[in-house]
Each structure stands twice: as structure tokens, then as C-alpha cells.
Amino acid sequence: MFDPVIAPSGTLLGLLQRGRGDGTLHALTAPRAEALAALNHCVLHDPRHDWQVENRSLYYARLYLDLHGELDAIEAHLFDPEDVLDDEESRTGLALAVLGHLASYGRRDALDLLRRYASTGSNWAWALDELALRDDDAGLRALAAPVLARFTTDAEGEAELAAAVRDAFEPRPWRLWAEDPRESIATRVRAAQETGCFDRWQRQMRPTGPRPGWSVRAVFEWAQQGVERGAALHVPAARCLVAVAGPEDRPEILQAAKDGTDGARCTALRYLADSNDADALNLIEAAVADGTSTVVEAAVDAFERMRSIAAVDRARGWARRPDALGAAAGRMLACRGGTNDSELVLAALREAVRGEGPDAPTLWTLVDGTGRLGIVCAAPVLRHVYRETASSHLRGRAARALAATDPSFATGFAVECLWDCEETTRELAARHAETGDARVVEQLRRLAADPAEEAEVQTAVRSRIGPDTAAM
């Protein structure tokens, strides 16, 4: 999947792509045709950089309800001939999830589309999972025949069926079909269920990797084998060293950390850092200076895991370095530094935004640390990150940091956060948004009454609303 193209944050499309609360508020005041066009673009061209963790489906479904939006564009997308050529979940997953929420709100057209797609579409398993949560038993039983028809009755087809049953996110349809009165359906599904259980048992009985009695050298060799086939095994290998290494093995481990193969060096650095070895920090600094990119990444990661006072002190000396270790030092101070480190954390935050932009991975930790340390003068940078980042998770972290650093948060960003796509951000807003704004009171009532809303959000809402549903 290609990285999505995100429109500027000041446009309606850009706001909706980011899942910002202002996206909904602007869409409701824009011409309906324009708002629906932007909404359809988002649903049909998933704007998330990480579609597996960022939320958008409920956010878009609620906007379809508010705009009384038709589903013609989603239907055309799902049943386009491209669906046969491109069966990646990312092409249709967001649209199917939106339909699932709409079905739970009582939209019959959304339920019918999910049923049709589960019968004929490439991403049928996702549609079936959505239906498993929303459809009745009769509707699911009607899908048994078309779904099973996807699998041939030869050995290969039955193996594919067993894998589909074993890996199903929602087991309800398969359990219904295992009890289907049609013997041809029930027999196949029960056999697939039994095969799936046997497959899991076999995998558990054939563990791979280190065995009791391995030497330090054997662990290093195993880690290097992982590097050679593109699998990073230094983390589990370091855990193995904890079990097999004794005091007499320290010289060998130190030597590996200095000039071993990539697999051995990464493993040794991780092991020494986790055990707070006296030489770990110097070896990490040396690895960053002369190691390969694989070693540098492992060394930096090992350093960031350290919890010792010595590591924090060293971070203060490294924080202004213009390399990966300097960036890691800034993140360590953000996590474990004190208020006297605020200047260094703020400098790291500004440098990250200036050098890498509002979506830099390092910002996640730095933004959290800015809020933890209560760095009030960081508010302008945090507002910039909030507005511009394409990551709804990072925006939520920026909002949390603003709640701790920006006195205007309650009457500013907290208001729009009540409509945000991330439930944790809505929860934060429910606790902070100033109820003098009539829009806040109305939205709090809506969230309190919405059965699709997360329990944590509704708990926060109830803390702001009295028994008579009047905001306190």
C-alpha cells in the first residue's frame, strides 16, 4: 500500500483525513455535496499511515449519519472489478468497517451491502467479521453456502478452509455453521474446526530457536542467522543470554559488543544494557560511532531501555549530539528526566519538528515528555504538531500534553476533540472541555447516549453531566 496523500490541514479534506473534530464541525456547515465528496474520498482512499491501529471508521460513520449520506460511492468501490485484482485488506477494510458501524446504527442499506460483499467480495472475511457483530442468526446462516463455495473440496481447498476458520477474528458465524441443519455444511465446518485445533497443537509441539544447554557462542550464532535471513533475533537472543551466561562469559560478551558480527553485537549490547553493565554505555557510544545501521539501531534501542541514574546522566551529555544517539538521549530525558532537563527536552522537540516535520516518530516520546514535565513554553510547538500531524494517535498525545501546558486548552482544542476519531482523545476532551460552550453540552449528551461509544468515554462524560443530563 502506498503512503496516502494528505491534503493541507486547513482544508475540509485535510481535516477529515486526519480525523480531527474540526473536520466534522466544518463538514456540517459546508455545502452537503462538498462534504460528502470529501467524506467519500476519505473512506475510499484510506488516509491512515498505519491503518491497523488508527481509528477512523466510527468517525466517518457518524458523519454519514449526520449528513444523511448515501452509500452509492462505497457500493461502487466494493464491487469495482479492481476488487478481483487487488485483494489487499487495506483497499476495502475502512469502507467495510464504516458499513459495520452504520449497520449497528440501523442503516439497512449498509447491512445489505455487507451481506452482498461477504458473498462475492475478495475481502469477504472482513465483511463476515463485521456481520458477526451485527447480523442476526438467519442472516449469517444464509451466508454459509456462498462462503463455503469459495473453497474447493479437494485437499488444498479443505486446508484453506481450515486456515480460514482457525484465523477468523470473530468465530460466531463458523459456530453457527457447525450446527447448520444442512449436513453438507455442518460436516465441512466441523472438520475444518478440528483441523485448525490440530494445527495449533502441532505448532506448539515444534518450537524453534534456542534449547537448554546452549552456549553463549551458540546464541550469538543463532542471532546472526536471523540477520542473514532478514529476521531480527537479537532481542530474544539477549533474553537467552540471561539464562545461559555466567560471570565467566562476560569477556566474550564484551568482545562481541565491540567487534562481533551484527547479530552477536546487537545481542551483546542489548544484554549488557538490560543488565546495567558498567561498560554498557561506552560500548553503546562506540557502536553508534562505527557500527552498521543495524547495530546503530539496536544500540540506540538498548540505550533507551536503560533505567539507571548513570544512563540519565549520560543522556544529558549526549542530548545535543546531531545523531541518532542524541535523539535517543532527548527521548530518554523526556521519559525519565527531571524538570531541570526541560530545556533539553524542548530543544529536542523543536529540532525534531524543524528537521523531520510533524509526523516524525521521535515526536511521540518527546510530546509525552513535554506534557509530563509541564513545559509551558512548548505549547506553540505542541499546537503545531496537533494541527499538522497526519497521525491521530500523535495528535491525541499532543492534546494530552496541551492539557498539561496550555491554559487555553479547555476552551480551544478540547472542544473540537469531543468529535475526534480517537476514543482516548474524546475521553480527554470530555474531562477538560469548557461546558460554557453550547456545542460542548450537546456533544456530551450525544456521546452519553450513543451505544457505539467506548465505555471510558462515557464514564468521563458522566463525570461532567448530572442526573438530569444538564452539564454541571
Protein backbone atom coordinates (compact mmCIF):
# COMPACT_ATOMS: atom_id res chain seq x y z
CA MET A 1 0.00 0.00 0.00
CA PHE A 2 1.33 3.43 -0.97
CA ASP A 3 1.59 6.18 1.62
CA PRO A 4 -1.59 8.26 1.42
CA VAL A 5 -1.50 11.82 0.10
CA ILE A 6 -2.75 14.09 2.88
CA ALA A 7 -4.33 17.42 1.98
CA PRO A 8 -3.34 20.61 3.84
CA SER A 9 -4.66 20.82 7.38
CA GLY A 10 -6.65 23.96 6.64
CA THR A 11 -8.89 22.26 4.07
CA LEU A 12 -12.02 20.24 4.73
CA LEU A 13 -10.47 17.17 3.12
CA GLY A 14 -7.29 17.55 5.18
CA LEU A 15 -9.27 17.82 8.40
CA LEU A 16 -11.35 14.74 7.62
CA GLN A 17 -8.31 12.73 6.55
CA ARG A 18 -6.66 13.49 9.89
CA GLY A 19 -9.82 12.56 11.80
CA ARG A 20 -9.89 15.89 13.59
CA GLY A 21 -13.00 17.04 15.39
CA ASP A 22 -12.92 20.23 13.33
CA GLY A 23 -13.40 18.04 10.27
CA THR A 24 -16.87 17.07 11.44
CA LEU A 25 -17.74 20.60 12.55
CA HIS A 26 -16.66 22.08 9.20
CA ALA A 27 -18.40 19.35 7.19
CA LEU A 28 -21.71 20.07 8.93
CA THR A 29 -21.54 23.74 7.88
CA ALA A 30 -20.17 23.17 4.35
CA PRO A 31 -22.36 22.55 1.29
CA ARG A 32 -23.64 19.00 1.63
CA ALA A 33 -22.34 17.85 -1.76
CA GLU A 34 -18.85 19.15 -0.95
CA ALA A 35 -18.85 17.50 2.46
CA LEU A 36 -20.00 14.14 1.09
CA ALA A 37 -17.38 14.26 -1.67
CA ALA A 38 -14.61 14.79 0.89
CA LEU A 39 -16.05 12.08 3.16
CA ASN A 40 -16.28 9.56 0.33
CA HIS A 41 -12.71 10.34 -0.70
CA CYS A 42 -11.50 9.50 2.82
CA VAL A 43 -13.44 6.24 3.06
CA LEU A 44 -12.46 5.02 -0.40
CA HIS A 45 -8.81 6.11 -0.13
CA ASP A 46 -7.80 5.22 3.43
CA PRO A 47 -5.78 8.20 4.72
CA ARG A 48 -4.13 6.43 7.65
CA HIS A 49 -0.40 5.82 7.66
CA ASP A 50 -1.00 2.86 9.99
CA TRP A 51 -4.45 1.56 9.16
CA GLN A 52 -4.18 -1.29 11.66
CA VAL A 53 -4.08 0.92 14.76
CA GLU A 54 -5.57 4.32 13.90
CA ASN A 55 -9.31 4.77 14.20
CA ARG A 56 -11.46 6.36 11.53
CA SER A 57 -14.46 4.08 10.91
CA LEU A 58 -16.76 5.29 13.70
CA TYR A 59 -15.76 8.90 12.99
CA TYR A 60 -16.73 8.58 9.31
CA ALA A 61 -19.87 6.55 10.05
CA ARG A 62 -21.17 9.23 12.40
CA LEU A 63 -20.60 11.85 9.73
CA TYR A 64 -22.52 9.76 7.17
CA LEU A 65 -25.40 9.72 9.63
CA ASP A 66 -25.23 13.47 10.26
CA LEU A 67 -25.13 14.22 6.52
CA HIS A 68 -27.74 11.57 5.67
CA GLY A 69 -25.15 10.31 3.22
CA GLU A 70 -25.92 7.79 0.52
CA LEU A 71 -23.74 4.72 0.12
CA ASP A 72 -23.54 4.64 -3.68
CA ALA A 73 -19.84 5.54 -3.75
CA ILE A 74 -18.97 2.82 -1.24
CA GLU A 75 -21.00 0.29 -3.20
CA ALA A 76 -19.23 1.17 -6.44
CA HIS A 77 -15.85 0.89 -4.71
CA LEU A 78 -16.56 -2.51 -3.16
CA PHE A 79 -17.92 -4.09 -6.31
CA ASP A 80 -15.49 -2.50 -8.75
CA PRO A 81 -13.62 -5.00 -10.99
CA GLU A 82 -10.46 -3.88 -9.20
CA ASP A 83 -11.65 -5.86 -6.18
CA VAL A 84 -10.69 -9.04 -8.04
CA LEU A 85 -7.25 -7.69 -8.98
CA ASP A 86 -6.38 -6.07 -5.64
CA ASP A 87 -7.42 -8.22 -2.68
CA GLU A 88 -5.38 -6.31 -0.08
CA GLU A 89 -7.39 -5.67 3.09
CA SER A 90 -6.26 -2.05 3.08
CA ARG A 91 -8.23 -1.32 -0.11
CA THR A 92 -11.64 -2.14 1.33
CA GLY A 93 -11.14 -2.54 5.08
CA LEU A 94 -12.07 1.01 6.06
CA ALA A 95 -15.19 1.01 3.89
CA LEU A 96 -16.33 -2.30 5.39
CA ALA A 97 -15.71 -1.07 8.93
CA VAL A 98 -17.73 2.08 8.23
CA LEU A 99 -20.58 -0.07 6.91
CA GLY A 100 -20.38 -2.15 10.07
CA HIS A 101 -20.91 0.89 12.28
CA LEU A 102 -23.70 2.16 10.05
CA ALA A 103 -25.39 -1.22 10.30
CA SER A 104 -25.20 -1.04 14.09
CA TYR A 105 -26.93 2.36 13.87
CA GLY A 106 -29.80 0.72 11.96
CA ARG A 107 -28.83 1.53 8.37
CA ARG A 108 -30.35 -1.40 6.47
CA ASP A 109 -28.59 -0.40 3.25
CA ALA A 110 -25.24 -0.82 4.99
CA LEU A 111 -26.21 -4.28 6.29
CA ASP A 112 -27.30 -5.38 2.82
CA LEU A 113 -24.02 -4.20 1.29
CA LEU A 114 -22.03 -6.16 3.86
CA ARG A 115 -24.03 -9.30 3.13
CA ARG A 116 -23.52 -8.94 -0.63
CA TYR A 117 -19.82 -8.32 -0.26
CA ALA A 118 -19.36 -11.25 2.13
CA SER A 119 -20.87 -13.45 -0.58
CA THR A 120 -18.85 -12.20 -3.55
CA GLY A 121 -16.04 -9.83 -2.49
CA SER A 122 -12.32 -10.54 -2.16
CA ASN A 123 -12.10 -9.22 1.39
CA TRP A 124 -15.06 -11.36 2.43
CA ALA A 125 -13.53 -12.37 5.77
CA TRP A 126 -13.52 -8.76 6.98
CA ALA A 127 -17.14 -8.31 5.93
CA LEU A 128 -18.06 -11.52 7.71
CA ASP A 129 -16.39 -10.29 10.90
CA GLU A 130 -18.44 -7.07 10.72
CA LEU A 131 -21.62 -9.09 10.24
CA ALA A 132 -20.71 -11.42 13.09
CA LEU A 133 -21.10 -8.46 15.45
CA ARG A 134 -24.27 -7.02 13.92
CA ASP A 135 -26.30 -9.52 11.89
CA ASP A 136 -28.89 -11.94 13.21
CA ASP A 137 -28.56 -15.72 13.07
CA ALA A 138 -30.76 -16.03 9.99
CA GLY A 139 -28.67 -13.53 8.05
CA LEU A 140 -25.43 -15.32 8.94
CA ARG A 141 -26.82 -18.78 8.12
CA ALA A 142 -27.77 -17.53 4.66
CA LEU A 143 -24.09 -16.81 4.01
CA ALA A 144 -22.87 -20.32 4.80
CA ALA A 145 -23.31 -21.73 1.30
CA PRO A 146 -21.70 -18.86 -0.66
CA VAL A 147 -18.75 -18.63 1.76
CA LEU A 148 -18.05 -22.37 1.73
CA ALA A 149 -18.34 -22.38 -2.06
CA ARG A 150 -15.15 -20.31 -2.13
CA PHE A 151 -13.22 -23.40 -1.03
CA THR A 152 -12.81 -26.41 -3.25
CA THR A 153 -13.47 -29.84 -1.80
CA ASP A 154 -10.02 -31.22 -2.60
CA ALA A 155 -7.22 -31.41 -0.04
CA GLU A 156 -5.92 -27.93 -0.86
CA GLY A 157 -9.35 -26.35 -0.55
CA GLU A 158 -10.07 -28.05 2.74
CA ALA A 159 -6.71 -26.88 4.10
CA GLU A 160 -7.54 -23.30 3.07
CA LEU A 161 -10.94 -23.62 4.75
CA ALA A 162 -9.34 -24.89 7.96
CA ALA A 163 -6.95 -21.94 7.94
CA ALA A 164 -9.85 -19.50 7.43
CA VAL A 165 -11.76 -21.00 10.36
CA ARG A 166 -8.66 -21.05 12.57
CA ASP A 167 -7.72 -17.44 11.82
CA ALA A 168 -11.23 -15.93 11.93
CA PHE A 169 -11.32 -12.83 14.14
CA GLU A 170 -14.98 -13.45 15.05
CA PRO A 171 -15.88 -17.16 15.44
CA ARG A 172 -19.66 -16.71 15.70
CA PRO A 173 -20.55 -17.47 12.03
CA TRP A 174 -18.43 -20.62 11.99
CA ARG A 175 -20.01 -21.85 15.22
CA LEU A 176 -23.46 -21.31 13.73
CA TRP A 177 -22.49 -23.13 10.56
CA ALA A 178 -21.04 -26.05 12.51
CA GLU A 179 -24.59 -26.61 13.83
CA ASP A 180 -26.31 -25.98 10.49
CA PRO A 181 -29.15 -28.43 9.74
CA ARG A 182 -27.67 -28.95 6.26
CA GLU A 183 -25.30 -31.83 6.87
CA SER A 184 -23.04 -30.92 3.94
CA ILE A 185 -22.30 -27.54 5.55
CA ALA A 186 -22.06 -28.65 9.16
CA THR A 187 -19.74 -31.57 8.35
CA ARG A 188 -17.26 -29.41 6.42
CA VAL A 189 -17.13 -26.71 9.08
CA ARG A 190 -16.71 -29.15 11.97
CA ALA A 191 -13.90 -30.89 10.11
CA ALA A 192 -12.22 -27.54 9.47
CA GLN A 193 -12.52 -26.61 13.15
CA GLU A 194 -10.90 -29.89 14.20
CA THR A 195 -8.08 -29.43 11.69
CA GLY A 196 -7.43 -25.90 12.92
CA CYS A 197 -7.17 -27.04 16.52
CA PHE A 198 -4.75 -29.80 15.48
CA ASP A 199 -2.60 -27.28 13.55
CA ARG A 200 -2.27 -25.10 16.64
CA TRP A 201 -1.27 -28.09 18.73
CA GLN A 202 1.37 -29.10 16.20
CA ARG A 203 2.92 -25.63 16.16
CA GLN A 204 3.16 -25.68 19.96
CA MET A 205 4.88 -29.07 19.83
CA ARG A 206 7.50 -27.88 17.32
CA PRO A 207 9.18 -24.88 18.95
CA THR A 208 12.15 -23.36 17.14
CA GLY A 209 15.11 -21.47 18.49
CA PRO A 210 17.46 -21.94 21.45
CA ARG A 211 17.39 -25.05 23.61
CA PRO A 212 18.55 -25.65 27.18
CA GLY A 213 22.27 -26.18 27.30
CA TRP A 214 23.16 -23.73 24.53
CA SER A 215 26.42 -21.84 24.93
CA VAL A 216 26.93 -18.08 24.61
CA ARG A 217 28.56 -18.70 21.23
CA ALA A 218 25.55 -20.71 20.04
CA VAL A 219 23.20 -17.89 20.99
CA PHE A 220 25.34 -15.40 19.05
CA GLU A 221 25.34 -17.69 16.02
CA TRP A 222 21.57 -18.04 16.17
CA ALA A 223 21.19 -14.25 16.28
CA GLN A 224 23.49 -13.90 13.26
CA GLN A 225 21.48 -16.48 11.33
CA GLY A 226 18.48 -14.25 11.88
CA VAL A 227 20.32 -11.23 10.47
CA GLU A 228 21.32 -13.20 7.39
CA ARG A 229 17.73 -14.14 6.61
CA GLY A 230 16.30 -10.72 7.46
CA ALA A 231 14.87 -11.55 10.89
CA ALA A 232 15.89 -9.51 13.93
CA LEU A 233 16.50 -12.04 16.70
CA HIS A 234 18.81 -10.06 18.97
CA VAL A 235 16.05 -9.29 21.48
CA PRO A 236 15.08 -12.92 22.19
CA ALA A 237 18.75 -13.85 21.91
CA ALA A 238 19.60 -11.36 24.69
CA ARG A 239 16.95 -12.98 26.86
CA CYS A 240 18.56 -16.34 26.16
CA LEU A 241 21.91 -14.96 27.32
CA VAL A 242 20.33 -14.19 30.68
CA ALA A 243 19.67 -17.91 31.06
CA VAL A 244 22.94 -19.31 29.68
CA ALA A 245 25.64 -16.72 30.50
CA GLY A 246 27.65 -16.75 33.70
CA PRO A 247 30.29 -14.39 35.14
CA GLU A 248 32.98 -16.30 33.25
CA ASP A 249 31.29 -15.41 29.94
CA ARG A 250 31.49 -11.64 30.40
CA PRO A 251 34.78 -11.19 28.46
CA GLU A 252 33.30 -12.98 25.45
CA ILE A 253 30.15 -10.86 25.60
CA LEU A 254 32.14 -7.63 25.90
CA GLN A 255 34.25 -8.63 22.90
CA ALA A 256 31.13 -9.38 20.86
CA ALA A 257 29.75 -5.96 21.77
CA LYS A 258 32.95 -4.34 20.46
CA ASP A 259 33.55 -6.10 17.17
CA GLY A 260 31.30 -9.13 16.78
CA THR A 261 29.06 -9.91 13.83
CA ASP A 262 25.95 -7.75 13.57
CA GLY A 263 23.80 -10.39 15.23
CA ALA A 264 26.27 -11.00 18.06
CA ARG A 265 26.96 -7.30 18.58
CA CYS A 266 23.28 -6.36 18.75
CA THR A 267 22.61 -9.23 21.17
CA ALA A 268 25.54 -8.36 23.42
CA LEU A 269 24.65 -4.66 23.55
CA ARG A 270 21.04 -5.46 24.46
CA TYR A 271 22.14 -7.93 27.14
CA LEU A 272 24.66 -5.53 28.70
CA ALA A 273 22.22 -2.61 28.68
CA ASP A 274 19.44 -4.65 30.25
CA SER A 275 21.77 -5.83 32.99
CA ASN A 276 23.13 -2.28 33.59
CA ASP A 277 26.68 -3.46 32.98
CA ALA A 278 29.31 -0.85 33.86
CA ASP A 279 30.69 -0.90 30.30
CA ALA A 280 27.34 -0.78 28.51
CA LEU A 281 27.16 2.99 27.93
CA ASN A 282 30.69 3.24 26.50
CA LEU A 283 30.06 0.27 24.22
CA ILE A 284 26.79 1.80 23.02
CA GLU A 285 28.56 5.05 22.18
CA ALA A 286 31.25 3.14 20.27
CA ALA A 287 28.65 1.11 18.39
CA VAL A 288 26.90 4.28 17.21
CA ALA A 289 30.24 5.63 16.01
CA ASP A 290 31.44 2.63 13.98
CA GLY A 291 28.56 0.15 13.67
CA THR A 292 26.37 -0.70 10.70
CA SER A 293 22.87 0.75 10.54
CA THR A 294 21.55 -2.45 12.10
CA VAL A 295 23.96 -2.17 15.01
CA VAL A 296 23.31 1.56 15.48
CA GLU A 297 19.56 0.97 15.67
CA ALA A 298 19.98 -1.85 18.19
CA ALA A 299 22.44 0.19 20.28
CA VAL A 300 20.11 3.19 20.43
CA ASP A 301 17.15 0.99 21.32
CA ALA A 302 19.16 -0.72 24.07
CA PHE A 303 20.18 2.65 25.49
CA GLU A 304 16.59 3.92 25.61
CA ARG A 305 15.56 0.90 27.66
CA MET A 306 18.08 1.64 30.41
CA ARG A 307 16.70 2.94 33.71
CA SER A 308 19.82 3.71 35.68
CA ILE A 309 20.84 7.10 37.04
CA ALA A 310 24.08 6.74 35.08
CA ALA A 311 22.15 6.37 31.82
CA VAL A 312 20.11 9.52 32.51
CA ASP A 313 23.27 11.43 33.38
CA ARG A 314 24.91 10.27 30.15
CA ALA A 315 21.78 11.33 28.23
CA ARG A 316 22.28 14.89 29.48
CA GLY A 317 25.71 14.88 27.90
CA TRP A 318 24.52 13.29 24.65
CA ALA A 319 21.29 15.27 24.18
CA ARG A 320 22.83 17.88 21.87
CA ARG A 321 24.53 15.37 19.60
CA PRO A 322 23.28 15.67 15.99
CA ASP A 323 22.88 11.92 15.50
CA ALA A 324 20.66 9.01 16.47
CA LEU A 325 22.18 8.81 19.94
CA GLY A 326 21.46 12.49 20.56
CA ALA A 327 17.83 11.97 19.53
CA ALA A 328 17.60 8.93 21.82
CA ALA A 329 19.07 10.97 24.67
CA GLY A 330 16.35 13.58 24.23
CA ARG A 331 13.71 10.87 24.36
CA MET A 332 15.26 9.36 27.49
CA LEU A 333 15.16 12.71 29.27
CA ALA A 334 11.57 13.15 28.13
CA CYS A 335 10.70 9.85 29.79
CA ARG A 336 12.95 9.86 32.85
CA GLY A 337 14.47 13.30 33.22
CA GLY A 338 13.55 15.93 35.78
CA THR A 339 12.30 19.48 35.49
CA ASN A 340 15.90 20.65 35.21
CA ASP A 341 16.00 18.80 31.86
CA SER A 342 13.09 20.78 30.40
CA GLU A 343 15.34 22.93 28.24
CA LEU A 344 16.99 19.90 26.65
CA VAL A 345 13.64 18.18 26.02
CA LEU A 346 12.18 21.34 24.50
CA ALA A 347 15.23 21.73 22.27
CA ALA A 348 14.86 18.12 21.11
CA LEU A 349 11.16 18.68 20.40
CA ARG A 350 11.83 21.80 18.35
CA GLU A 351 14.68 20.18 16.45
CA ALA A 352 12.56 17.14 15.60
CA VAL A 353 9.71 19.26 14.24
CA ARG A 354 12.10 21.52 12.36
CA GLY A 355 14.19 18.71 10.90
CA GLU A 356 11.71 15.87 10.38
CA GLY A 357 8.29 17.50 10.37
CA PRO A 358 5.13 16.95 12.43
CA ASP A 359 4.99 13.20 11.79
CA ALA A 360 8.49 12.30 13.00
CA PRO A 361 8.40 9.03 15.01
CA THR A 362 10.57 10.58 17.72
CA LEU A 363 7.81 13.09 18.49
CA TRP A 364 5.64 10.52 20.22
CA THR A 365 8.01 10.27 23.18
CA LEU A 366 9.04 13.93 23.14
CA VAL A 367 5.43 15.15 23.15
CA ASP A 368 4.60 12.86 26.07
CA GLY A 369 7.66 14.10 27.96
CA THR A 370 6.77 17.72 27.33
CA GLY A 371 3.42 17.16 28.98
CA ARG A 372 4.95 15.11 31.80
CA LEU A 373 7.41 17.87 32.61
CA GLY A 374 4.79 20.60 32.19
CA ILE A 375 6.88 22.69 29.79
CA VAL A 376 4.52 25.63 29.34
CA CYS A 377 6.61 27.40 26.69
CA ALA A 378 6.31 24.28 24.48
CA ALA A 379 2.61 24.96 23.86
CA PRO A 380 3.13 26.71 20.47
CA VAL A 381 5.11 23.73 19.16
CA LEU A 382 2.53 21.29 20.53
CA ARG A 383 -0.27 23.24 18.83
CA HIS A 384 1.62 22.97 15.54
CA VAL A 385 2.02 19.21 15.95
CA TYR A 386 -1.66 18.90 16.87
CA ARG A 387 -2.80 20.76 13.74
CA GLU A 388 -0.42 19.28 11.21
CA THR A 389 0.28 15.66 12.08
CA ALA A 390 -1.45 13.04 9.96
CA SER A 391 -1.34 10.57 12.87
CA SER A 392 -4.44 10.66 15.01
CA HIS A 393 -2.52 8.91 17.80
CA LEU A 394 0.19 11.57 17.85
CA ARG A 395 -2.48 14.28 17.77
CA GLY A 396 -4.06 12.69 20.83
CA ARG A 397 -0.73 12.75 22.63
CA ALA A 398 -0.29 16.39 21.67
CA ALA A 399 -3.74 17.12 23.08
CA ARG A 400 -2.83 15.41 26.34
CA ALA A 401 0.39 17.45 26.55
CA LEU A 402 -1.54 20.65 25.80
CA ALA A 403 -3.96 19.86 28.61
CA ALA A 404 -0.95 19.96 30.94
CA THR A 405 0.79 23.00 29.44
CA ASP A 406 -1.74 25.27 27.70
CA PRO A 407 -4.23 27.23 29.85
CA SER A 408 -6.41 27.83 26.77
CA PHE A 409 -6.84 24.11 26.04
CA ALA A 410 -10.23 23.78 27.76
CA THR A 411 -11.81 26.47 25.62
CA GLY A 412 -9.79 25.72 22.49
CA PHE A 413 -8.70 22.35 21.16
CA ALA A 414 -10.56 20.43 23.87
CA VAL A 415 -13.85 21.49 22.30
CA GLU A 416 -13.10 20.04 18.88
CA CYS A 417 -11.55 16.94 20.48
CA LEU A 418 -15.06 15.87 21.52
CA TRP A 419 -15.58 14.95 17.84
CA ASP A 420 -12.12 13.39 17.35
CA CYS A 421 -11.72 9.98 15.70
CA GLU A 422 -9.73 8.51 18.63
CA GLU A 423 -11.66 7.48 21.72
CA THR A 424 -8.77 8.37 24.05
CA THR A 425 -8.81 11.90 22.68
CA ARG A 426 -12.58 12.16 23.11
CA GLU A 427 -12.18 10.92 26.68
CA LEU A 428 -9.59 13.62 27.36
CA ALA A 429 -11.90 16.25 25.90
CA ALA A 430 -14.85 15.02 27.94
CA ARG A 431 -12.82 15.68 31.09
CA HIS A 432 -11.49 19.11 30.07
CA ALA A 433 -13.78 20.86 27.57
CA GLU A 434 -15.36 24.04 28.94
CA THR A 435 -19.11 23.49 29.22
CA GLY A 436 -19.90 27.16 28.74
CA ASP A 437 -19.89 26.37 25.02
CA ALA A 438 -23.33 25.12 23.96
CA ARG A 439 -21.75 22.75 21.42
CA VAL A 440 -19.90 21.02 24.25
CA VAL A 441 -23.04 20.34 26.25
CA GLU A 442 -24.87 18.99 23.19
CA GLN A 443 -22.00 16.72 22.20
CA LEU A 444 -21.55 15.41 25.74
CA ARG A 445 -25.21 14.42 25.74
CA ARG A 446 -24.82 12.70 22.38
CA LEU A 447 -21.78 10.73 23.50
CA ALA A 448 -23.56 9.69 26.68
CA ALA A 449 -26.48 8.29 24.69
CA ASP A 450 -24.52 6.67 21.84
CA PRO A 451 -24.34 2.86 22.26
CA ALA A 452 -21.33 2.74 19.94
CA GLU A 453 -19.25 5.00 22.18
CA GLU A 454 -16.47 3.47 24.27
CA ALA A 455 -17.16 2.89 27.96
CA GLU A 456 -14.18 5.01 29.05
CA VAL A 457 -15.51 7.99 27.11
CA GLN A 458 -18.98 7.63 28.59
CA THR A 459 -17.51 7.37 32.09
CA ALA A 460 -15.70 10.66 31.50
CA VAL A 461 -18.89 12.20 30.14
CA ARG A 462 -20.89 11.14 33.20
CA SER A 463 -18.37 12.90 35.41
CA ARG A 464 -19.39 16.14 33.68
CA ILE A 465 -23.14 15.59 33.38
CA GLY A 466 -25.69 15.47 36.17
CA PRO A 467 -28.62 13.03 36.51
CA ASP A 468 -30.89 15.41 34.64
CA THR A 469 -28.39 15.43 31.70
CA ALA A 470 -27.68 19.09 32.24
CA ALA A 471 -23.99 19.89 32.19
CA MET A 472 -22.66 20.77 35.63
